[in-house]
Amino acid sequence: MKVILNKDLATLGEEGDVKDVARGYARNFLFPRGIALPYTDSTVKLFESRKEEIEARKAEKRKDASGLKEKLEALELTLTMPAGANGKLYGAVTSQTIADEFAKQGHHIERKRIELAGTSFKSVGKYKVTVKLYESAAAEITVTVQGQVEEAKTPSAPSRPSRRRRDEEAVPAAEGVAPAEAANTEAAPADVPAGEPAAQESAASEPAAQE
């Protein structure tokens, strides 16, 4: 189905472009959102009357792209990534990584506009990255990837009990007495006379003898 774009759509084209698309895509997505109009004699005349206006907007986009190209190529992008001693990255630098770095510097570039040599960078070094802007305009940026070597963590030794504590625990064990029983024995009062319980027992048995 032939349509005329009423708005820019990055995946399809720009305002005023004539495109062939699937009928369902046009009816369910493009037409309801006002992104495109059916290609008819009336719509062709409508866009002919808007031609100067559309071209003026395109000229403004070319100007903006030229200015952005100069700003991007003036940047020095340096990324520090975890890496091994041999320079191999533990992860990888992707187009999304570059887009995030651009955003930190105030330039919001779509990930799909960033082209890397291959799909990603997996080692430290200097690389060339191409950013597509508008029409044939593109910026070429140098990206430096630095490695950050992570030190291996040594496991900490388990804590050992003090010598005094080991000696205290060893004494009851040597005598065949559990530590809890030893504590109870030590806690018993020691000031009761040894003969007093026997005297009380004899006194209690006298009334039974009299009976």
Protein backbone atom coordinates (compact mmCIF):
# COMPACT_ATOMS: atom_id res chain seq x y z
CA MET A 1 0.00 0.00 0.00
CA LYS A 2 1.37 3.41 -0.98
CA VAL A 3 1.35 6.20 1.61
CA ILE A 4 2.77 9.70 2.08
CA LEU A 5 4.52 10.38 5.40
CA ASN A 6 2.98 13.24 7.30
CA LYS A 7 5.71 13.13 9.99
CA ASP A 8 9.28 11.95 10.30
CA LEU A 9 9.64 8.32 11.35
CA ALA A 10 13.21 7.14 11.92
CA THR A 11 12.50 3.59 10.78
CA LEU A 12 10.63 4.61 7.64
CA GLY A 13 11.43 8.08 6.30
CA GLU A 14 10.74 11.80 6.48
CA GLU A 15 7.78 14.06 6.04
CA GLY A 16 6.69 14.14 2.39
CA ASP A 17 8.32 10.81 1.46
CA VAL A 18 6.23 8.30 -0.50
CA LYS A 19 6.55 4.74 0.83
CA ASP A 20 5.10 1.30 0.15
CA VAL A 21 4.03 -0.41 3.36
CA ALA A 22 1.88 -3.31 4.46
CA ARG A 23 -1.84 -2.51 4.53
CA GLY A 24 -2.24 -3.62 8.15
CA TYR A 25 0.76 -1.54 9.26
CA ALA A 26 -0.76 1.54 7.62
CA ARG A 27 -4.28 1.05 8.99
CA ASN A 28 -3.31 -0.04 12.51
CA PHE A 29 -0.29 2.16 13.16
CA LEU A 30 0.48 4.91 10.64
CA PHE A 31 -3.00 6.29 9.95
CA PRO A 32 -4.35 6.34 13.56
CA ARG A 33 -1.25 8.24 14.74
CA GLY A 34 -1.29 10.72 11.86
CA ILE A 35 2.19 9.60 10.76
CA ALA A 36 1.06 8.97 7.17
CA LEU A 37 -1.83 9.57 4.79
CA PRO A 38 -3.09 7.39 1.93
CA TYR A 39 -1.49 8.19 -1.42
CA THR A 40 -4.30 9.81 -3.40
CA ASP A 41 -4.64 12.70 -5.81
CA SER A 42 -5.91 14.96 -3.03
CA THR A 43 -3.05 14.12 -0.63
CA VAL A 44 -0.48 14.56 -3.40
CA LYS A 45 -1.84 18.09 -4.07
CA LEU A 46 -1.80 18.79 -0.33
CA PHE A 47 1.89 17.93 -0.03
CA GLU A 48 2.72 19.83 -3.19
CA SER A 49 1.33 22.94 -1.53
CA ARG A 50 3.49 22.24 1.55
CA LYS A 51 6.64 21.52 -0.41
CA GLU A 52 8.43 24.77 0.41
CA GLU A 53 7.57 24.40 4.08
CA ILE A 54 8.90 20.83 4.14
CA GLU A 55 12.13 21.78 2.35
CA ALA A 56 12.71 24.61 4.81
CA ARG A 57 12.49 22.14 7.70
CA LYS A 58 14.91 19.78 5.98
CA ALA A 59 17.39 22.62 5.48
CA GLU A 60 17.18 23.37 9.21
CA LYS A 61 17.88 19.70 9.99
CA ARG A 62 20.96 19.75 7.75
CA LYS A 63 22.23 22.81 9.58
CA ASP A 64 21.66 21.21 12.97
CA ALA A 65 23.39 18.02 11.85
CA SER A 66 26.42 19.99 10.69
CA GLY A 67 26.70 21.74 14.04
CA LEU A 68 26.29 18.50 15.96
CA LYS A 69 28.94 16.84 13.81
CA GLU A 70 31.50 19.48 14.85
CA LYS A 71 30.60 19.13 18.54
CA LEU A 72 30.80 15.33 18.54
CA GLU A 73 34.11 15.20 16.69
CA ALA A 74 35.58 17.64 19.23
CA LEU A 75 34.80 15.24 22.07
CA GLU A 76 37.35 12.91 23.61
CA LEU A 77 35.56 9.84 24.88
CA THR A 78 37.49 7.77 27.41
CA LEU A 79 35.88 4.71 28.95
CA THR A 80 37.32 2.84 31.93
CA MET A 81 36.21 -0.79 32.06
CA PRO A 82 37.09 -3.75 34.32
CA ALA A 83 39.78 -5.76 32.57
CA GLY A 84 42.32 -8.49 33.13
CA ALA A 85 46.08 -8.01 33.17
CA ASN A 86 46.19 -9.06 29.48
CA GLY A 87 43.94 -6.15 28.45
CA LYS A 88 40.84 -8.24 27.82
CA LEU A 89 37.66 -6.63 29.12
CA TYR A 90 35.47 -8.57 31.51
CA GLY A 91 32.46 -7.10 29.70
CA ALA A 92 32.24 -5.29 26.36
CA VAL A 93 31.79 -1.77 25.02
CA THR A 94 28.65 -1.65 22.87
CA SER A 95 26.76 1.06 21.00
CA GLN A 96 24.58 1.45 24.10
CA THR A 97 27.71 2.08 26.20
CA ILE A 98 28.73 4.86 23.79
CA ALA A 99 25.20 6.32 23.77
CA ASP A 100 25.21 6.44 27.59
CA GLU A 101 28.56 8.27 27.55
CA PHE A 102 27.22 10.79 25.01
CA ALA A 103 24.20 11.39 27.27
CA LYS A 104 26.50 12.18 30.22
CA GLN A 105 28.01 14.95 28.09
CA GLY A 106 24.62 16.33 27.07
CA HIS A 107 24.23 14.72 23.63
CA HIS A 108 21.30 12.35 23.29
CA ILE A 109 22.16 10.07 20.37
CA GLU A 110 20.02 7.06 19.51
CA ARG A 111 21.87 3.78 19.91
CA LYS A 112 20.98 2.65 16.37
CA ARG A 113 22.76 5.71 14.94
CA ILE A 114 26.08 4.59 16.45
CA GLU A 115 28.17 2.21 14.35
CA LEU A 116 31.09 0.24 15.79
CA ALA A 117 33.67 -1.82 13.94
CA GLY A 118 32.07 -5.15 14.74
CA THR A 119 29.34 -5.44 17.32
CA SER A 120 31.45 -4.41 20.34
CA PHE A 121 34.93 -3.68 21.72
CA LYS A 122 36.34 -6.39 23.99
CA SER A 123 39.89 -5.15 24.61
CA VAL A 124 41.57 -1.94 25.73
CA GLY A 125 42.75 0.41 22.99
CA LYS A 126 41.63 3.22 20.68
CA TYR A 127 38.69 2.74 18.33
CA LYS A 128 36.83 4.70 15.67
CA VAL A 129 33.07 5.12 16.07
CA THR A 130 30.74 6.52 13.40
CA VAL A 131 27.57 8.41 14.33
CA LYS A 132 24.99 8.84 11.57
CA LEU A 133 23.29 12.22 11.79
CA TYR A 134 21.06 13.45 8.97
CA GLU A 135 21.00 12.24 5.35
CA SER A 136 24.66 11.61 4.45
CA ALA A 137 26.12 13.59 7.36
CA ALA A 138 28.07 11.52 9.88
CA ALA A 139 30.56 12.17 12.68
CA GLU A 140 33.65 10.08 13.34
CA ILE A 141 34.76 9.92 16.97
CA THR A 142 37.81 8.34 18.61
CA VAL A 143 36.98 6.30 21.71
CA THR A 144 39.71 5.26 24.13
CA VAL A 145 39.00 2.20 26.24
CA GLN A 146 41.12 1.88 29.38
CA GLY A 147 41.37 -1.19 31.56
CA GLN A 148 40.91 -1.21 35.31
CA VAL A 149 42.57 -4.28 36.79
CA GLU A 150 40.64 -5.64 39.77
CA GLU A 151 42.70 -7.09 42.62
CA ALA A 152 41.84 -10.61 43.71
CA LYS A 153 40.28 -10.71 47.15
CA THR A 154 41.92 -13.12 49.64
CA PRO A 155 39.53 -14.89 52.04
CA SER A 156 39.90 -13.73 55.63
CA ALA A 157 41.05 -16.33 58.22
CA PRO A 158 38.37 -17.47 60.70
CA SER A 159 38.63 -15.88 64.14
CA ARG A 160 40.22 -18.08 66.82
CA PRO A 161 39.15 -18.06 70.48
CA SER A 162 41.55 -16.54 73.00
CA ARG A 163 44.03 -18.75 74.87
CA ARG A 164 42.32 -18.07 78.20
CA ARG A 165 38.95 -19.16 76.84
CA ARG A 166 40.44 -22.37 75.41
CA ASP A 167 42.01 -23.19 78.79
CA GLU A 168 38.72 -22.60 80.65
CA GLU A 169 36.85 -24.88 78.27
CA ALA A 170 39.52 -27.55 78.48
CA VAL A 171 39.43 -27.93 82.31
CA PRO A 172 35.85 -29.30 82.66
CA ALA A 173 36.38 -31.53 79.65
CA ALA A 174 39.49 -33.06 81.23
CA GLU A 175 37.66 -33.86 84.47
CA GLY A 176 34.73 -35.49 82.68
CA VAL A 177 32.31 -32.69 83.69
CA ALA A 178 30.27 -30.76 81.18
CA PRO A 179 30.87 -26.96 81.18
CA ALA A 180 27.24 -26.31 82.30
CA GLU A 181 27.52 -28.75 85.22
CA ALA A 182 30.81 -27.23 86.27
CA ALA A 183 29.18 -23.81 86.36
CA ASN A 184 26.37 -25.11 88.57
CA THR A 185 28.85 -26.72 90.96
CA GLU A 186 30.80 -23.51 91.30
CA ALA A 187 27.60 -21.53 91.93
CA ALA A 188 26.49 -23.68 94.94
CA PRO A 189 26.86 -21.88 98.35
CA ALA A 190 29.87 -23.10 100.38
CA ASP A 191 29.05 -21.56 103.84
CA VAL A 192 26.58 -24.25 105.10
CA PRO A 193 28.12 -26.39 107.95
CA ALA A 194 28.72 -29.96 106.92
CA GLY A 195 27.03 -31.50 110.00
CA GLU A 196 23.85 -29.46 110.00
CA PRO A 197 21.86 -31.54 107.50
CA ALA A 198 22.61 -34.75 109.51
CA ALA A 199 21.39 -33.15 112.74
CA GLN A 200 18.14 -32.18 111.12
CA GLU A 201 17.60 -35.72 109.88
CA SER A 202 18.10 -37.26 113.41
CA ALA A 203 15.72 -34.74 114.92
CA ALA A 204 13.09 -35.64 112.43
CA SER A 205 13.44 -39.36 113.23
CA GLU A 206 12.99 -39.07 117.06
CA PRO A 207 9.21 -38.55 117.08
CA ALA A 208 8.83 -41.66 114.98
CA ALA A 209 10.79 -43.71 117.57
CA GLN A 210 8.63 -42.44 120.49
CA GLU A 211 5.47 -43.49 118.77
